[in-house]
Amino acid sequence: MPSNLISPLLWKSIGPRDPDSFTDFLFHHEQWHRELAKVTNTRFILMDDLKTNLFPHAQMHIDLAKATSVPQITDLLSYDLEDPASFVNFMTLNADDHQRFRTLTGL
């Protein structure tokens, strides 16, 4: 595993009212998507504003699922990251999916 990648399961602990942790998450999350794109030969799409535009992120997860021949997870587009409960659910689902791709790719 590249030394700059942290366990995506740590993202589950980020609270909806912690902007500093969310900013830190965005950096590590982008690194994960860049590495996953490399090892699966899928595209990396910039996620300029994850809180208001979930489409690029969801599309990368769809592409990764296809590339690794696994079913897609539940819809990653229907979350409102400004809503605390929705934020927590998104972070949990996203972390679990990244862990799944980590296992499948050996990252």
Protein backbone atom coordinates (compact mmCIF):
# COMPACT_ATOMS: atom_id res chain seq x y z
CA MET A 1 0.00 0.00 0.00
CA PRO A 2 1.38 3.44 -0.82
CA SER A 3 2.53 5.03 2.42
CA ASN A 4 0.38 8.11 1.91
CA LEU A 5 -2.93 6.20 1.99
CA ILE A 6 -4.73 5.98 5.29
CA SER A 7 -7.42 3.47 6.11
CA PRO A 8 -10.68 4.67 4.61
CA LEU A 9 -12.49 3.22 7.61
CA LEU A 10 -11.21 6.19 9.62
CA TRP A 11 -13.59 8.40 7.62
CA LYS A 12 -16.51 6.94 9.55
CA SER A 13 -15.38 8.94 12.59
CA ILE A 14 -15.65 12.34 10.88
CA GLY A 15 -18.52 14.31 12.35
CA PRO A 16 -20.87 16.47 10.31
CA ARG A 17 -19.97 19.59 12.27
CA ASP A 18 -16.18 19.27 11.99
CA PRO A 19 -15.07 21.32 8.97
CA ASP A 20 -11.35 20.82 9.66
CA SER A 21 -11.68 17.04 9.64
CA PHE A 22 -13.80 17.18 6.50
CA THR A 23 -11.13 19.28 4.76
CA ASP A 24 -8.50 16.74 5.81
CA PHE A 25 -10.78 13.94 4.56
CA LEU A 26 -11.08 15.61 1.14
CA PHE A 27 -7.30 15.47 0.69
CA HIS A 28 -6.99 11.81 1.65
CA HIS A 29 -10.13 10.87 -0.24
CA GLU A 30 -8.76 12.39 -3.43
CA GLN A 31 -5.50 10.47 -2.96
CA TRP A 32 -7.48 7.25 -2.66
CA HIS A 33 -9.42 7.95 -5.84
CA ARG A 34 -6.23 8.80 -7.74
CA GLU A 35 -4.57 5.53 -6.67
CA LEU A 36 -7.68 3.46 -7.34
CA ALA A 37 -7.96 4.98 -10.81
CA LYS A 38 -4.34 4.05 -11.53
CA VAL A 39 -4.61 0.43 -10.47
CA THR A 40 -7.98 -0.15 -12.16
CA ASN A 41 -7.33 1.87 -15.32
CA THR A 42 -10.40 3.99 -14.65
CA ARG A 43 -10.73 7.73 -14.86
CA PHE A 44 -10.13 10.16 -12.07
CA ILE A 45 -12.64 13.01 -12.03
CA LEU A 46 -11.99 16.15 -10.01
CA MET A 47 -14.37 16.55 -7.12
CA ASP A 48 -14.28 20.31 -6.78
CA ASP A 49 -17.22 20.52 -4.42
CA LEU A 50 -18.19 17.17 -2.98
CA LYS A 51 -20.75 18.69 -0.62
CA THR A 52 -22.94 20.06 -3.40
CA ASN A 53 -22.04 17.95 -6.44
CA LEU A 54 -21.92 14.23 -5.72
CA PHE A 55 -22.09 13.14 -9.35
CA PRO A 56 -18.34 12.98 -10.20
CA HIS A 57 -17.67 10.99 -7.05
CA ALA A 58 -20.56 8.60 -7.64
CA GLN A 59 -19.44 8.07 -11.24
CA MET A 60 -15.96 7.04 -10.10
CA HIS A 61 -17.47 4.48 -7.73
CA ILE A 62 -19.61 3.11 -10.58
CA ASP A 63 -16.52 2.88 -12.81
CA LEU A 64 -14.53 1.16 -10.05
CA ALA A 65 -17.27 -1.39 -9.46
CA LYS A 66 -17.34 -2.22 -13.17
CA ALA A 67 -13.54 -2.43 -13.37
CA THR A 68 -13.34 -4.78 -10.40
CA SER A 69 -16.40 -6.82 -11.45
CA VAL A 70 -18.37 -6.26 -8.27
CA PRO A 71 -21.91 -4.96 -7.81
CA GLN A 72 -22.39 -1.24 -7.33
CA ILE A 73 -23.28 -0.11 -3.86
CA THR A 74 -26.37 1.86 -2.99
CA ASP A 75 -26.84 5.19 -4.72
CA LEU A 76 -24.18 7.73 -3.72
CA LEU A 77 -26.08 10.64 -5.27
CA SER A 78 -29.06 10.98 -2.97
CA TYR A 79 -27.22 12.30 0.08
CA ASP A 80 -27.39 15.84 1.42
CA LEU A 81 -24.01 16.44 3.03
CA GLU A 82 -25.35 19.54 4.79
CA ASP A 83 -27.81 17.36 6.74
CA PRO A 84 -26.04 15.74 9.73
CA ALA A 85 -27.75 12.34 9.49
CA SER A 86 -27.28 12.16 5.74
CA PHE A 87 -23.63 13.18 6.14
CA VAL A 88 -22.97 10.35 8.61
CA ASN A 89 -24.69 7.81 6.35
CA PHE A 90 -22.69 8.99 3.32
CA MET A 91 -19.37 8.86 5.17
CA THR A 92 -20.10 5.33 6.40
CA LEU A 93 -21.17 4.00 3.02
CA ASN A 94 -18.27 5.72 1.24
CA ALA A 95 -15.73 4.39 3.75
CA ASP A 96 -17.08 0.86 3.42
CA ASP A 97 -16.95 1.03 -0.37
CA HIS A 98 -13.39 2.33 -0.33
CA GLN A 99 -12.43 -0.48 2.02
CA ARG A 100 -14.00 -2.94 -0.41
CA PHE A 101 -11.96 -1.49 -3.29
CA ARG A 102 -8.86 -1.47 -1.08
CA THR A 103 -9.27 -5.21 -0.50
CA LEU A 104 -10.00 -5.95 -4.16
CA THR A 105 -7.01 -3.98 -5.48
CA GLY A 106 -4.47 -4.72 -2.76
CA LEU A 107 -4.00 -1.06 -1.91
